[in-house]
Protein backbone atom coordinates (compact mmCIF):
# COMPACT_ATOMS: atom_id res chain seq x y z
CA UNK A 1 162.02 109.88 184.80
CA UNK A 2 159.48 107.55 186.35
CA UNK A 3 156.65 109.91 185.47
CA UNK A 4 157.72 109.93 181.82
CA UNK A 5 157.59 106.16 181.72
CA UNK A 6 154.34 105.85 183.67
CA UNK A 7 152.50 108.41 181.54
CA UNK A 8 153.75 106.81 178.34
CA UNK A 9 155.22 110.06 177.04
CA UNK A 10 158.11 108.27 175.33
CA UNK A 11 156.67 107.02 172.07
CA UNK A 12 158.78 103.95 171.48
CA UNK A 13 157.14 100.57 171.06
CA UNK A 14 159.85 98.72 172.96
CA UNK A 15 159.64 101.08 175.93
CA UNK A 16 155.84 101.06 176.07
CA UNK A 17 155.63 97.25 176.09
CA UNK A 18 157.93 96.95 179.14
CA UNK A 19 157.44 97.93 182.75
CA UNK A 20 160.66 99.74 183.58
CA UNK A 21 161.89 100.41 187.10
CA UNK A 22 163.96 103.55 187.68
CA UNK A 23 165.77 102.73 190.89
CA UNK A 24 168.14 105.66 191.14
CA UNK A 25 169.41 108.76 189.40
CA UNK A 26 172.91 109.90 190.31
CA UNK A 27 173.96 113.43 189.49
CA UNK A 28 177.55 114.45 188.94
CA UNK A 29 178.89 117.09 191.38
CA UNK A 30 178.54 119.83 188.76
CA UNK A 31 174.97 118.67 187.91
CA UNK A 32 175.81 118.31 184.22
CA UNK A 33 175.47 114.53 184.04
CA UNK A 34 172.61 112.36 185.27
CA UNK A 35 173.13 108.60 185.36
CA UNK A 36 169.78 106.82 185.40
CA UNK A 37 169.74 103.24 186.69
CA UNK A 38 166.91 101.23 185.15
CA UNK A 39 165.75 97.64 184.95
CA UNK A 40 162.83 96.18 183.00
CA UNK A 41 160.48 94.05 185.06
CA UNK A 42 161.94 90.58 185.36
CA UNK A 43 165.19 91.71 183.74
CA UNK A 44 163.88 90.75 180.28
CA UNK A 45 165.30 92.52 177.23
CA UNK A 46 167.52 94.75 179.34
CA UNK A 47 169.97 95.61 176.56
CA UNK A 48 167.16 96.36 174.10
CA UNK A 49 165.41 98.62 176.62
CA UNK A 50 168.65 100.48 177.34
CA UNK A 51 169.17 100.96 173.60
CA UNK A 52 165.60 102.28 173.23
CA UNK A 53 166.13 104.74 176.07
CA UNK A 54 169.37 105.88 174.44
CA UNK A 55 167.52 106.43 171.14
CA UNK A 56 165.06 108.66 172.98
CA UNK A 57 167.64 110.41 175.15
CA UNK A 58 167.30 113.75 173.36
CA UNK A 59 163.53 113.87 173.95
CA UNK A 60 163.95 112.80 177.58
CA UNK A 61 166.58 115.46 178.16
CA UNK A 62 164.22 118.11 176.78
CA UNK A 63 161.43 117.07 179.12
CA UNK A 64 163.82 117.00 182.09
CA UNK A 65 165.17 120.44 181.14
CA UNK A 66 161.67 121.90 181.33
CA UNK A 67 160.96 120.16 184.64
CA UNK A 68 164.06 121.10 186.63
CA UNK A 69 165.32 124.52 187.55
CA UNK A 70 168.98 124.30 186.59
CA UNK A 71 171.20 126.58 184.54
CA UNK A 72 172.01 123.69 182.18
CA UNK A 73 170.00 120.60 181.30
CA UNK A 74 172.04 117.59 182.38
CA UNK A 75 173.30 115.03 179.89
CA UNK A 76 171.55 111.76 180.55
CA UNK A 77 173.00 108.28 180.38
CA UNK A 78 171.27 105.03 181.13
CA UNK A 79 172.76 102.08 182.97
CA UNK A 80 171.46 98.68 184.02
CA UNK A 81 170.56 98.59 187.69
CA UNK A 82 172.46 95.72 189.24
CA UNK A 83 171.43 96.38 192.84
CA UNK A 84 168.70 93.71 192.72
CA UNK A 85 171.25 91.09 191.63
CA UNK A 86 173.63 92.22 194.37
CA UNK A 87 170.85 91.99 196.95
CA UNK A 88 169.94 88.49 195.85
CA UNK A 89 173.59 87.42 196.04
CA UNK A 90 173.85 88.79 199.59
CA UNK A 91 170.62 87.02 200.58
CA UNK A 92 171.97 83.70 199.26
CA UNK A 93 175.21 84.20 201.20
CA UNK A 94 173.32 84.96 204.40
CA UNK A 95 171.07 81.94 203.89
CA UNK A 96 174.11 79.72 203.40
CA UNK A 97 175.55 80.98 206.69
CA UNK A 98 172.29 80.17 208.52
CA UNK A 99 172.42 76.57 207.30
CA UNK A 100 175.88 75.91 208.70
CA UNK A 101 175.91 74.41 212.22
């Protein structure tokens, strides 16, 4: 996934104008579903970027199918990566604990 984005193989103006982080891909136990967690740099236009990735899902699935050695190409779904927000929230909580006497 990251290689597709880095090489600019997805020809969508919205995708090409954003730097998109792919933080994780989770596969279902039967390997038929891949959930891709993404976040545009700075979190800007997240919903629009997710919609653009969804529009190009068929192309992305085709590229992934050629790249992996599986019996079936997995269905791909895109989700907003919220791990950065969770990490920031934990950091703020830990900082607030340090400030208490």
